[in-house]
Amino acid sequence: MTPKKCKGCKYFYITWERTFPYGCKALGFKSKKYPCDEVAQTSAMECQYYKPA
């Protein structure tokens, strides 16, 4: 299975904030890294909210 990436997800958005440029509407957070990478790092699982855009 290929890893799910935020760029193809309907919940992913660009915040335009310099410190936290990426966001996830499903999980409700902003991050310096792509949210899917943040989820993988903290939970050791792929994001379960991925939905194709």
N, C-alpha and C. Protein backbone atom coordinates (compact mmCIF):
# COMPACT_ATOMS: atom_id res chain seq x y z
N MET A 1 0.84 -1.18 0.00
CA MET A 1 0.00 0.00 0.00
C MET A 1 0.89 1.24 0.00
N THR A 2 0.55 2.21 -0.81
CA THR A 2 1.34 3.43 -0.86
C THR A 2 0.92 4.37 0.28
N PRO A 3 1.86 5.13 0.81
CA PRO A 3 1.50 6.05 1.89
C PRO A 3 0.55 7.15 1.39
N LYS A 4 -0.35 7.52 2.23
CA LYS A 4 -1.30 8.58 1.89
C LYS A 4 -0.62 9.92 2.11
N LYS A 5 -0.72 10.80 1.15
CA LYS A 5 -0.08 12.10 1.25
C LYS A 5 -1.13 13.21 1.34
N CYS A 6 -0.82 14.21 2.09
CA CYS A 6 -1.75 15.31 2.34
C CYS A 6 -2.16 16.06 1.08
N LYS A 7 -1.25 16.22 0.14
CA LYS A 7 -1.57 17.03 -1.03
C LYS A 7 -2.79 16.55 -1.79
N GLY A 8 -3.11 15.26 -1.72
CA GLY A 8 -4.27 14.73 -2.41
C GLY A 8 -5.51 14.61 -1.53
N CYS A 9 -5.43 15.12 -0.31
CA CYS A 9 -6.52 14.97 0.65
C CYS A 9 -7.42 16.21 0.68
N LYS A 10 -8.72 16.00 0.81
CA LYS A 10 -9.65 17.13 0.83
C LYS A 10 -9.56 17.95 2.12
N TYR A 11 -8.97 17.40 3.17
CA TYR A 11 -8.85 18.11 4.45
C TYR A 11 -7.58 18.94 4.57
N PHE A 12 -6.65 18.76 3.66
CA PHE A 12 -5.37 19.48 3.69
C PHE A 12 -5.56 20.91 3.19
N TYR A 13 -4.86 21.85 3.85
CA TYR A 13 -4.89 23.24 3.38
C TYR A 13 -3.58 23.95 3.73
N ILE A 14 -3.32 25.00 2.98
CA ILE A 14 -2.15 25.86 3.23
C ILE A 14 -2.62 27.01 4.11
N THR A 15 -1.94 27.24 5.22
CA THR A 15 -2.37 28.28 6.15
C THR A 15 -1.80 29.65 5.81
N TRP A 16 -0.69 29.68 5.11
CA TRP A 16 0.06 30.90 4.79
C TRP A 16 0.70 31.52 6.01
N GLU A 17 0.69 30.83 7.14
CA GLU A 17 1.43 31.28 8.32
C GLU A 17 2.86 30.78 8.19
N ARG A 18 3.80 31.64 8.42
CA ARG A 18 5.21 31.28 8.24
C ARG A 18 5.64 30.16 9.19
N THR A 19 5.17 30.18 10.41
CA THR A 19 5.59 29.19 11.40
C THR A 19 4.87 27.85 11.27
N PHE A 20 3.62 27.87 10.83
CA PHE A 20 2.83 26.65 10.67
C PHE A 20 2.13 26.69 9.31
N PRO A 21 2.83 26.36 8.24
CA PRO A 21 2.27 26.56 6.90
C PRO A 21 1.25 25.52 6.43
N TYR A 22 1.16 24.38 7.10
CA TYR A 22 0.25 23.32 6.63
C TYR A 22 -0.80 23.00 7.69
N GLY A 23 -2.01 22.70 7.23
CA GLY A 23 -3.07 22.39 8.17
C GLY A 23 -3.92 21.21 7.75
N CYS A 24 -4.62 20.65 8.72
CA CYS A 24 -5.55 19.55 8.48
C CYS A 24 -6.89 19.92 9.11
N LYS A 25 -7.93 20.04 8.29
CA LYS A 25 -9.25 20.38 8.79
C LYS A 25 -9.89 19.22 9.55
N ALA A 26 -9.58 17.99 9.18
CA ALA A 26 -10.17 16.83 9.85
C ALA A 26 -9.64 16.68 11.28
N LEU A 27 -8.34 16.89 11.46
CA LEU A 27 -7.75 16.74 12.78
C LEU A 27 -7.64 18.06 13.54
N GLY A 28 -7.86 19.17 12.86
CA GLY A 28 -7.91 20.47 13.51
C GLY A 28 -6.58 20.99 14.04
N PHE A 29 -5.50 20.82 13.25
CA PHE A 29 -4.23 21.38 13.69
C PHE A 29 -3.42 21.91 12.52
N LYS A 30 -2.45 22.75 12.83
CA LYS A 30 -1.50 23.31 11.87
C LYS A 30 -0.13 22.79 12.24
N SER A 31 0.75 22.70 11.24
CA SER A 31 2.05 22.10 11.49
C SER A 31 3.14 22.69 10.59
N LYS A 32 4.38 22.51 11.02
CA LYS A 32 5.52 22.90 10.19
C LYS A 32 5.75 21.87 9.08
N LYS A 33 5.35 20.62 9.35
CA LYS A 33 5.46 19.53 8.38
C LYS A 33 4.08 19.21 7.85
N TYR A 34 4.03 18.38 6.80
CA TYR A 34 2.74 17.92 6.33
C TYR A 34 2.04 17.18 7.47
N PRO A 35 0.74 17.40 7.66
CA PRO A 35 0.02 16.74 8.74
C PRO A 35 0.15 15.21 8.71
N CYS A 36 0.17 14.61 7.53
CA CYS A 36 0.29 13.15 7.45
C CYS A 36 1.63 12.68 8.03
N ASP A 37 2.69 13.48 7.84
CA ASP A 37 3.99 13.13 8.41
C ASP A 37 3.97 13.29 9.93
N GLU A 38 3.28 14.30 10.40
CA GLU A 38 3.15 14.55 11.84
C GLU A 38 2.38 13.39 12.50
N VAL A 39 1.30 12.94 11.86
CA VAL A 39 0.51 11.82 12.37
C VAL A 39 1.35 10.55 12.40
N ALA A 40 2.07 10.28 11.32
CA ALA A 40 2.90 9.08 11.25
C ALA A 40 3.99 9.09 12.32
N GLN A 41 4.56 10.25 12.57
CA GLN A 41 5.62 10.35 13.57
C GLN A 41 5.09 10.15 14.99
N THR A 42 3.94 10.70 15.29
CA THR A 42 3.43 10.62 16.66
C THR A 42 2.67 9.32 16.96
N SER A 43 2.01 8.74 15.95
CA SER A 43 1.20 7.55 16.21
C SER A 43 1.75 6.27 15.59
N ALA A 44 2.76 6.38 14.74
CA ALA A 44 3.34 5.25 14.02
C ALA A 44 2.30 4.57 13.10
N MET A 45 1.30 5.35 12.67
CA MET A 45 0.27 4.85 11.76
C MET A 45 0.04 5.89 10.67
N GLU A 46 -0.53 5.43 9.55
CA GLU A 46 -0.95 6.37 8.52
C GLU A 46 -2.18 7.13 9.00
N CYS A 47 -2.38 8.30 8.44
CA CYS A 47 -3.56 9.09 8.77
C CYS A 47 -4.82 8.32 8.38
N GLN A 48 -5.75 8.24 9.29
CA GLN A 48 -7.00 7.51 9.06
C GLN A 48 -8.10 8.40 8.49
N TYR A 49 -7.84 9.71 8.35
CA TYR A 49 -8.84 10.66 7.86
C TYR A 49 -8.65 11.01 6.39
N TYR A 50 -7.68 10.40 5.72
CA TYR A 50 -7.42 10.73 4.32
C TYR A 50 -8.65 10.48 3.44
N LYS A 51 -9.02 11.49 2.69
CA LYS A 51 -10.10 11.40 1.71
C LYS A 51 -9.61 12.06 0.43
N PRO A 52 -9.64 11.37 -0.71
CA PRO A 52 -9.20 12.00 -1.96
C PRO A 52 -9.98 13.26 -2.26
N ALA A 53 -9.26 14.27 -2.73
CA ALA A 53 -9.89 15.56 -3.02
C ALA A 53 -10.73 15.49 -4.28
